[in-house]
Amino acid sequence: MLNLENLFKLLEPRGTSKKLAEATGISTGNIADWKSGRYKPTAEALVLVADYFGCSVDYLLGRTEKPEVNR
């Protein structure tokens, strides 16, 4: 089961969804669908979001509580 709680924590500040959409090319409609649970983000979208926020995909998926990227 996909746990996107950490992703939604990052999207909470007002206007973040719009800024994310503009920076990544992901539509605000897709982001709204993720929030509603209607659809799940693709792997490609998760990588774009992780790059935007400077965190790991594992953090977005709730697999770790450490947002830093291990490179």
Protein backbone atom coordinates (compact mmCIF):
# COMPACT_ATOMS: atom_id res chain seq x y z
CA MET A 1 0.00 0.00 0.00
CA LEU A 2 1.25 3.43 -0.95
CA ASN A 3 1.58 5.92 1.92
CA LEU A 4 1.89 9.45 0.57
CA GLU A 5 1.54 11.24 3.92
CA ASN A 6 5.02 12.80 3.70
CA LEU A 7 4.30 14.05 0.20
CA PHE A 8 1.14 15.75 1.43
CA LYS A 9 3.03 17.31 4.36
CA LEU A 10 5.32 19.00 1.85
CA LEU A 11 2.33 20.19 -0.20
CA GLU A 12 0.46 21.73 2.75
CA PRO A 13 1.75 25.31 2.54
CA ARG A 14 -0.58 27.48 0.53
CA GLY A 15 0.35 27.72 -3.13
CA THR A 16 2.81 24.84 -3.07
CA SER A 17 0.78 22.64 -5.44
CA LYS A 18 0.71 25.40 -8.04
CA LYS A 19 4.44 26.08 -7.68
CA LEU A 20 5.19 22.37 -7.88
CA ALA A 21 3.08 22.08 -11.03
CA GLU A 22 4.83 25.01 -12.66
CA ALA A 23 8.30 23.71 -11.79
CA THR A 24 7.76 20.08 -12.78
CA GLY A 25 5.18 20.16 -15.55
CA ILE A 26 2.84 17.97 -13.49
CA SER A 27 -0.67 19.37 -13.76
CA THR A 28 -2.44 20.74 -10.71
CA GLY A 29 -5.26 18.35 -11.63
CA ASN A 30 -2.94 15.38 -11.23
CA ILE A 31 -1.74 16.69 -7.88
CA ALA A 32 -5.35 17.17 -6.76
CA ASP A 33 -6.11 13.58 -7.84
CA TRP A 34 -3.22 12.34 -5.66
CA LYS A 35 -4.58 14.26 -2.69
CA SER A 36 -8.07 12.85 -3.18
CA GLY A 37 -6.74 9.32 -3.60
CA ARG A 38 -8.29 9.01 -7.04
CA TYR A 39 -4.90 8.33 -8.64
CA LYS A 40 -1.37 7.59 -7.45
CA PRO A 41 1.69 9.37 -8.82
CA THR A 42 3.84 7.57 -11.36
CA ALA A 43 7.46 6.71 -10.61
CA GLU A 44 8.50 9.49 -12.99
CA ALA A 45 6.31 12.01 -11.16
CA LEU A 46 7.70 10.92 -7.79
CA VAL A 47 11.25 11.53 -9.02
CA LEU A 48 10.29 15.02 -10.24
CA VAL A 49 8.63 15.84 -6.90
CA ALA A 50 11.58 14.48 -4.90
CA ASP A 51 13.98 16.60 -6.95
CA TYR A 52 11.79 19.66 -6.45
CA PHE A 53 11.66 19.26 -2.67
CA GLY A 54 15.25 17.99 -2.37
CA CYS A 55 14.22 14.78 -0.67
CA SER A 56 14.25 11.08 -1.46
CA VAL A 57 11.46 9.16 -3.17
CA ASP A 58 11.53 6.82 -0.15
CA TYR A 59 10.63 9.79 2.06
CA LEU A 60 7.71 10.74 -0.21
CA LEU A 61 6.48 7.14 -0.06
CA GLY A 62 6.68 6.99 3.73
CA ARG A 63 9.42 4.35 3.67
CA THR A 64 11.66 6.55 5.84
CA GLU A 65 11.22 9.57 8.05
CA LYS A 66 14.57 11.00 6.90
CA PRO A 67 13.99 13.32 3.96
CA GLU A 68 17.63 13.58 2.94
CA VAL A 69 18.87 11.95 -0.21
CA ASN A 70 21.62 9.35 0.11
CA ARG A 71 23.91 9.69 -2.89
